[in-house]
C-alpha atoms as a PDB file:
ATOM      1  CA  MET A   1      17.261  42.450 -28.478  1.00  0.00           C
ATOM      2  CA  ARG A   2      19.948  42.435 -31.167  1.00  0.00           C
ATOM      3  CA  LEU A   3      20.753  45.678 -32.956  1.00  0.00           C
ATOM      4  CA  GLN A   4      22.915  46.975 -35.742  1.00  0.00           C
ATOM      5  CA  LEU A   5      24.293  50.443 -35.104  1.00  0.00           C
ATOM      6  CA  ALA A   6      25.375  52.561 -38.067  1.00  0.00           C
ATOM      7  CA  TYR A   7      26.762  56.091 -38.259  1.00  0.00           C
ATOM      8  CA  PHE A   8      24.381  59.042 -38.743  1.00  0.00           C
ATOM      9  CA  ASP A   9      26.167  62.337 -37.948  1.00  0.00           C
ATOM     10  CA  HIS A  10      28.334  64.447 -35.643  1.00  0.00           C
ATOM     11  CA  ASN A  11      31.786  62.782 -35.675  1.00  0.00           C
ATOM     12  CA  GLU A  12      33.392  61.650 -38.922  1.00  0.00           C
ATOM     13  CA  THR A  13      36.336  60.080 -37.078  1.00  0.00           C
ATOM     14  CA  PHE A  14      33.996  57.807 -35.149  1.00  0.00           C
ATOM     15  CA  ALA A  15      32.103  56.973 -38.359  1.00  0.00           C
ATOM     16  CA  GLU A  16      35.018  54.791 -39.466  1.00  0.00           C
ATOM     17  CA  LEU A  17      34.272  52.375 -36.585  1.00  0.00           C
ATOM     18  CA  LEU A  18      30.657  51.745 -37.577  1.00  0.00           C
ATOM     19  CA  PRO A  19      28.533  49.788 -38.331  1.00  0.00           C
ATOM     20  CA  VAL A  20      28.693  47.433 -35.360  1.00  0.00           C
ATOM     21  CA  ALA A  21      26.382  44.730 -34.059  1.00  0.00           C
ATOM     22  CA  GLY A  22      25.473  43.832 -30.527  1.00  0.00           C
ATOM     23  CA  ALA A  23      22.730  43.235 -28.008  1.00  0.00           C
ATOM     24  CA  VAL A  24      20.882  45.370 -25.508  1.00  0.00           C
ATOM     25  CA  ALA A  25      22.174  44.272 -22.115  1.00  0.00           C
ATOM     26  CA  ARG A  26      19.605  46.260 -20.137  1.00  0.00           C
ATOM     27  CA  ARG A  27      17.301  49.270 -20.109  1.00  0.00           C
ATOM     28  CA  LEU A  28      18.206  52.191 -17.832  1.00  0.00           C
ATOM     29  CA  ASN A  29      16.775  55.528 -16.770  1.00  0.00           C
ATOM     30  CA  SER A  30      19.036  58.551 -16.423  1.00  0.00           C
ATOM     31  CA  ASN A  31      18.663  60.993 -13.535  1.00  0.00           C
ATOM     32  CA  ASP A  32      16.589  63.263 -15.819  1.00  0.00           C
ATOM     33  CA  GLY A  33      14.118  60.440 -16.570  1.00  0.00           C
ATOM     34  CA  GLY A  34      15.446  59.590 -20.033  1.00  0.00           C
ATOM     35  CA  GLU A  35      15.180  56.004 -21.260  1.00  0.00           C
ATOM     36  CA  TRP A  36      18.562  54.579 -22.313  1.00  0.00           C
ATOM     37  CA  PHE A  37      19.819  51.185 -23.405  1.00  0.00           C
ATOM     38  CA  LEU A  38      23.156  49.676 -22.451  1.00  0.00           C
ATOM     39  CA  PHE A  39      24.367  48.242 -25.756  1.00  0.00           C
ATOM     40  CA  GLU A  40      26.942  45.440 -25.546  1.00  0.00           C
ATOM     41  CA  LEU A  41      29.039  45.228 -28.695  1.00  0.00           C
ATOM     42  CA  ASP A  42      29.859  41.899 -30.325  1.00  0.00           C
ATOM     43  CA  ALA A  43      33.461  43.118 -30.737  1.00  0.00           C
ATOM     44  CA  ILE A  44      35.413  45.766 -28.854  1.00  0.00           C
ATOM     45  CA  VAL A  45      35.788  49.157 -30.555  1.00  0.00           C
ATOM     46  CA  LEU A  46      39.022  51.105 -30.112  1.00  0.00           C
ATOM     47  CA  TYR A  47      38.379  54.862 -30.146  1.00  0.00           C
ATOM     48  CA  GLU A  48      41.133  57.369 -29.322  1.00  0.00           C
ATOM     49  CA  ASP A  49      43.246  54.469 -27.987  1.00  0.00           C
ATOM     50  CA  ILE A  50      40.564  53.419 -25.474  1.00  0.00           C
ATOM     51  CA  PRO A  51      38.723  50.094 -25.857  1.00  0.00           C
ATOM     52  CA  TYR A  52      34.935  50.146 -25.552  1.00  0.00           C
ATOM     53  CA  SER A  53      32.676  47.119 -25.207  1.00  0.00           C
ATOM     54  CA  HIS A  54      29.495  49.093 -24.377  1.00  0.00           C
ATOM     55  CA  PHE A  55      27.640  52.200 -25.498  1.00  0.00           C
ATOM     56  CA  LEU A  56      24.577  53.914 -24.107  1.00  0.00           C
ATOM     57  CA  LEU A  57      21.866  54.532 -26.722  1.00  0.00           C
ATOM     58  CA  ARG A  58      18.774  56.729 -26.637  1.00  0.00           C
ATOM     59  CA  SER A  59      16.379  57.657 -29.409  1.00  0.00           C
ATOM     60  CA  ARG A  60      16.802  61.209 -30.710  1.00  0.00           C
ATOM     61  CA  TRP A  61      13.379  61.253 -32.338  1.00  0.00           C
ATOM     62  CA  PRO A  62      10.104  61.820 -30.459  1.00  0.00           C
ATOM     63  CA  ASN A  63       7.737  58.843 -30.534  1.00  0.00           C
ATOM     64  CA  MET A  64      10.425  56.561 -32.031  1.00  0.00           C
ATOM     65  CA  LYS A  65      11.798  53.809 -29.831  1.00  0.00           C
ATOM     66  CA  VAL A  66      15.095  51.990 -30.002  1.00  0.00           C
ATOM     67  CA  GLY A  67      14.205  48.540 -31.241  1.00  0.00           C
ATOM     68  CA  GLY A  68      10.982  49.580 -32.933  1.00  0.00           C
ATOM     69  CA  GLU A  69       9.862  48.451 -36.381  1.00  0.00           C
ATOM     70  CA  GLU A  70      11.657  51.345 -38.083  1.00  0.00           C
ATOM     71  CA  PRO A  71      15.320  52.297 -37.652  1.00  0.00           C
ATOM     72  CA  THR A  72      15.741  55.305 -35.368  1.00  0.00           C
ATOM     73  CA  SER A  73      18.415  57.896 -34.839  1.00  0.00           C
ATOM     74  CA  VAL A  74      20.152  57.565 -31.477  1.00  0.00           C
ATOM     75  CA  PHE A  75      22.578  59.409 -29.268  1.00  0.00           C
ATOM     76  CA  ILE A  76      25.712  57.291 -28.744  1.00  0.00           C
ATOM     77  CA  LEU A  77      27.480  57.706 -25.409  1.00  0.00           C
ATOM     78  CA  LEU A  78      30.778  55.974 -24.668  1.00  0.00           C
ATOM     79  CA  VAL A  79      30.856  53.652 -21.654  1.00  0.00           C
ATOM     80  CA  SER A  80      34.348  52.963 -20.340  1.00  0.00           C
ATOM     81  CA  ASP A  81      33.081  51.289 -17.156  1.00  0.00           C
ATOM     82  CA  GLN A  82      29.766  49.478 -17.437  1.00  0.00           C
ATOM     83  CA  GLN A  83      29.481  49.389 -13.621  1.00  0.00           C
ATOM     84  CA  GLN A  84      28.740  53.143 -13.765  1.00  0.00           C
ATOM     85  CA  ALA A  85      25.846  52.584 -16.184  1.00  0.00           C
ATOM     86  CA  LYS A  86      23.047  52.052 -13.690  1.00  0.00           C
ATOM     87  CA  ASP A  87      19.607  53.503 -13.058  1.00  0.00           C
ATOM     88  CA  GLY A  88      19.782  57.161 -12.109  1.00  0.00           C
ATOM     89  CA  PHE A  89      23.097  57.782 -13.896  1.00  0.00           C
ATOM     90  CA  GLU A  90      24.043  61.316 -14.914  1.00  0.00           C
ATOM     91  CA  VAL A  91      24.206  61.637 -18.691  1.00  0.00           C
ATOM     92  CA  HIS A  92      27.127  64.083 -18.627  1.00  0.00           C
ATOM     93  CA  HIS A  93      29.357  61.396 -17.037  1.00  0.00           C
ATOM     94  CA  PHE A  94      29.413  59.576 -20.390  1.00  0.00           C
ATOM     95  CA  PRO A  95      30.858  61.341 -23.454  1.00  0.00           C
ATOM     96  CA  LEU A  96      28.523  61.873 -26.405  1.00  0.00           C
ATOM     97  CA  VAL A  97      30.559  60.598 -29.343  1.00  0.00           C
ATOM     98  CA  ALA A  98      28.123  60.700 -32.280  1.00  0.00           C
ATOM     99  CA  TRP A  99      24.611  60.181 -33.555  1.00  0.00           C
ATOM    100  CA  GLY A 100      23.804  56.767 -34.973  1.00  0.00           C
ATOM    101  CA  MET A 101      21.038  54.787 -36.621  1.00  0.00           C
ATOM    102  CA  ALA A 102      19.876  51.724 -34.695  1.00  0.00           C
ATOM    103  CA  GLN A 103      17.790  48.927 -36.145  1.00  0.00           C
ATOM    104  CA  ILE A 104      16.788  45.447 -35.110  1.00  0.00           C
ATOM    105  CA  MET A 105      18.789  42.655 -36.686  1.00  0.00           C
END
């Protein structure tokens, strides 16, 4: 699934790096049962001098899914090592950088 990710709120510095495009690499569940998506960016994003090729995304809105017919607000977590993004991961191991709006391309 291809997505466009735009800025929504919570970090004006990060807003300058969006929008970005990419594809969902895989669906994951966090240790608290949350459904997340590993989002692989088409181009690397440099934030605070660290390159990122992946984010973790999760819908912020009840009954709205990432990749649904309507754009949805998402939590954006930074993934510095995609090997750590696996089923059962602990959300607090990945920094929450901003809220975004995700929609299918």
